[in-house]
Amino acid sequence: MHGYQHPILLNKMQVELEITRAEAEILFEDVKRFLALCVTTSQSLAPTKALDQGWHIFLLFTKDYAQFCKDYCGRYVHHQPEDPFAETKNYDSVPRTRELAKTVFGELSLNWWGPSGSRDASDCSPDGCQPKDCSPNECKRVF
């Protein structure tokens, strides 16, 4: 997966997310890592906000994304958004995903952490906490 490159996708990430080329390259590597995790575990996984934004941009290149999934993942990895009106939320998916990624890949970039890239619960705030980025307990400690 590491060898797979997509310069136009990186350009789109830079423009859409207002990030540098280096940041786009790191984000794309992280999206590919996330997809690798999705096909190697039966656990319920979820991306952080940053990973999800990068994944969305990759999905826009539908033919390339489908071919990438076939060649590198062995199957198509579907994007299944969470229902924002669901009565119950799975707050454990992102922390579980992050822990699995740390086990598999070692040190992780800031793309694997909360909304501002912080590595602790202080990143959870009333206007910054994404339900998928931190557990209710982490958020309650801050509020």
Protein backbone atom coordinates (compact mmCIF):
# COMPACT_ATOMS: atom_id res chain seq x y z
CA MET A 1 0.00 0.00 0.00
CA HIS A 2 2.84 2.35 0.83
CA GLY A 3 3.96 2.28 -2.80
CA TYR A 4 0.59 3.37 -4.15
CA GLN A 5 0.73 7.03 -5.16
CA HIS A 6 -1.94 9.40 -6.47
CA PRO A 7 -0.56 12.91 -7.18
CA ILE A 8 -3.89 14.37 -8.29
CA LEU A 9 -5.55 13.15 -5.10
CA LEU A 10 -2.78 14.84 -3.10
CA ASN A 11 -3.43 18.07 -5.01
CA LYS A 12 -7.14 17.82 -4.17
CA MET A 13 -6.37 17.20 -0.49
CA GLN A 14 -4.13 20.27 -0.40
CA VAL A 15 -6.83 22.50 -1.90
CA GLU A 16 -9.89 21.05 -0.14
CA LEU A 17 -8.33 20.71 3.30
CA GLU A 18 -6.00 23.71 3.05
CA ILE A 19 -2.94 21.69 4.02
CA THR A 20 0.64 21.48 2.74
CA ARG A 21 1.86 18.84 0.31
CA ALA A 22 3.75 17.12 3.12
CA GLU A 23 0.60 17.05 5.28
CA ALA A 24 -1.41 15.66 2.33
CA GLU A 25 1.16 12.90 1.81
CA ILE A 26 1.02 11.93 5.49
CA LEU A 27 -2.79 12.00 5.48
CA PHE A 28 -2.97 9.79 2.38
CA GLU A 29 -0.56 7.28 3.94
CA ASP A 30 -2.75 7.26 7.06
CA VAL A 31 -5.93 6.73 5.03
CA LYS A 32 -4.28 3.74 3.34
CA ARG A 33 -3.26 2.41 6.75
CA PHE A 34 -6.82 2.82 8.02
CA LEU A 35 -8.15 0.90 5.01
CA ALA A 36 -5.60 -1.86 5.67
CA LEU A 37 -6.89 -2.15 9.23
CA CYS A 38 -10.46 -2.37 7.96
CA VAL A 39 -9.71 -5.47 5.93
CA THR A 40 -7.54 -7.23 8.48
CA THR A 41 -9.83 -7.21 11.51
CA SER A 42 -13.40 -8.11 12.32
CA GLN A 43 -13.57 -5.30 14.90
CA SER A 44 -15.84 -2.33 14.28
CA LEU A 45 -13.50 0.51 13.28
CA ALA A 46 -14.07 4.21 12.63
CA PRO A 47 -11.80 6.95 11.31
CA THR A 48 -11.00 10.17 13.10
CA LYS A 49 -12.32 13.34 11.51
CA ALA A 50 -9.02 13.92 9.67
CA LEU A 51 -8.90 10.36 8.33
CA ASP A 52 -12.54 10.56 7.29
CA GLN A 53 -11.91 13.79 5.37
CA GLY A 54 -9.00 12.17 3.54
CA TRP A 55 -11.03 9.04 2.84
CA HIS A 56 -13.88 11.14 1.41
CA ILE A 57 -11.48 12.76 -1.04
CA PHE A 58 -10.11 9.36 -2.07
CA LEU A 59 -13.69 8.14 -2.65
CA LEU A 60 -14.23 10.97 -5.16
CA PHE A 61 -11.79 9.21 -7.47
CA THR A 62 -14.21 6.30 -7.76
CA LYS A 63 -12.40 4.20 -10.38
CA ASP A 64 -9.03 4.66 -8.72
CA TYR A 65 -10.49 3.93 -5.27
CA ALA A 66 -12.22 0.77 -6.50
CA GLN A 67 -9.03 -0.45 -8.19
CA PHE A 68 -6.96 0.37 -5.10
CA CYS A 69 -9.35 -1.64 -2.93
CA LYS A 70 -9.22 -4.59 -5.32
CA ASP A 71 -5.43 -4.54 -5.67
CA TYR A 72 -4.39 -3.73 -2.11
CA CYS A 73 -7.32 -4.68 0.12
CA GLY A 74 -8.67 -7.72 -1.67
CA ARG A 75 -12.18 -6.27 -1.57
CA TYR A 76 -14.02 -2.98 -1.81
CA VAL A 77 -14.00 -1.11 1.50
CA HIS A 78 -17.37 0.59 1.84
CA HIS A 79 -17.76 3.89 3.63
CA GLN A 80 -20.66 3.59 6.07
CA PRO A 81 -21.43 6.93 7.75
CA GLU A 82 -22.91 6.97 11.22
CA ASP A 83 -26.53 8.08 11.52
CA PRO A 84 -26.37 11.50 13.22
CA PHE A 85 -29.86 10.92 14.65
CA ALA A 86 -29.16 7.45 16.05
CA GLU A 87 -30.27 7.06 19.64
CA THR A 88 -27.11 5.21 20.61
CA LYS A 89 -23.59 6.15 19.57
CA ASN A 90 -20.53 3.95 19.47
CA TYR A 91 -17.97 6.15 21.20
CA ASP A 92 -15.43 3.35 21.42
CA SER A 93 -14.80 2.83 17.69
CA VAL A 94 -12.23 5.60 17.16
CA PRO A 95 -10.21 4.89 20.33
CA ARG A 96 -10.30 1.16 19.44
CA THR A 97 -9.14 1.98 15.91
CA ARG A 98 -6.33 4.17 17.22
CA GLU A 99 -5.14 1.47 19.65
CA LEU A 100 -5.13 -1.15 16.90
CA ALA A 101 -3.23 1.24 14.61
CA LYS A 102 -0.64 1.89 17.35
CA THR A 103 -0.18 -1.86 17.79
CA VAL A 104 0.20 -2.49 14.07
CA PHE A 105 2.05 0.63 12.90
CA GLY A 106 3.75 1.99 16.02
CA GLU A 107 4.00 5.77 16.29
CA LEU A 108 1.01 7.53 14.70
CA SER A 109 0.68 10.95 13.10
CA LEU A 110 -1.70 13.58 14.44
CA ASN A 111 -4.29 12.41 11.91
CA TRP A 112 -5.12 9.53 14.28
CA TRP A 113 -6.03 11.80 17.19
CA GLY A 114 -8.91 14.13 18.05
CA PRO A 115 -10.11 17.25 16.25
CA SER A 116 -7.04 19.36 16.96
CA GLY A 117 -4.53 16.51 16.95
CA SER A 118 -4.08 16.57 20.73
CA ARG A 119 -3.00 13.27 22.26
CA ASP A 120 -5.12 13.62 25.39
CA ALA A 121 -8.70 14.18 26.45
CA SER A 122 -8.21 17.94 26.69
CA ASP A 123 -8.94 17.96 22.99
CA CYS A 124 -12.59 17.28 23.78
CA SER A 125 -14.52 20.49 24.17
CA PRO A 126 -18.20 21.38 23.81
CA ASP A 127 -17.64 22.86 20.35
CA GLY A 128 -14.79 20.62 19.22
CA CYS A 129 -15.66 17.12 20.40
CA GLN A 130 -16.81 14.86 17.60
CA PRO A 131 -18.75 11.87 18.90
CA LYS A 132 -16.44 9.56 16.94
CA ASP A 133 -13.25 11.22 18.21
CA CYS A 134 -13.59 10.71 21.95
CA SER A 135 -15.60 8.72 24.40
CA PRO A 136 -18.32 10.32 26.53
CA ASN A 137 -16.14 9.73 29.61
CA GLU A 138 -13.23 11.65 28.08
CA CYS A 139 -15.54 14.53 27.24
CA LYS A 140 -17.17 14.54 30.67
CA ARG A 141 -13.76 14.93 32.31
CA VAL A 142 -13.29 18.19 30.45
CA PHE A 143 -16.77 19.72 30.82
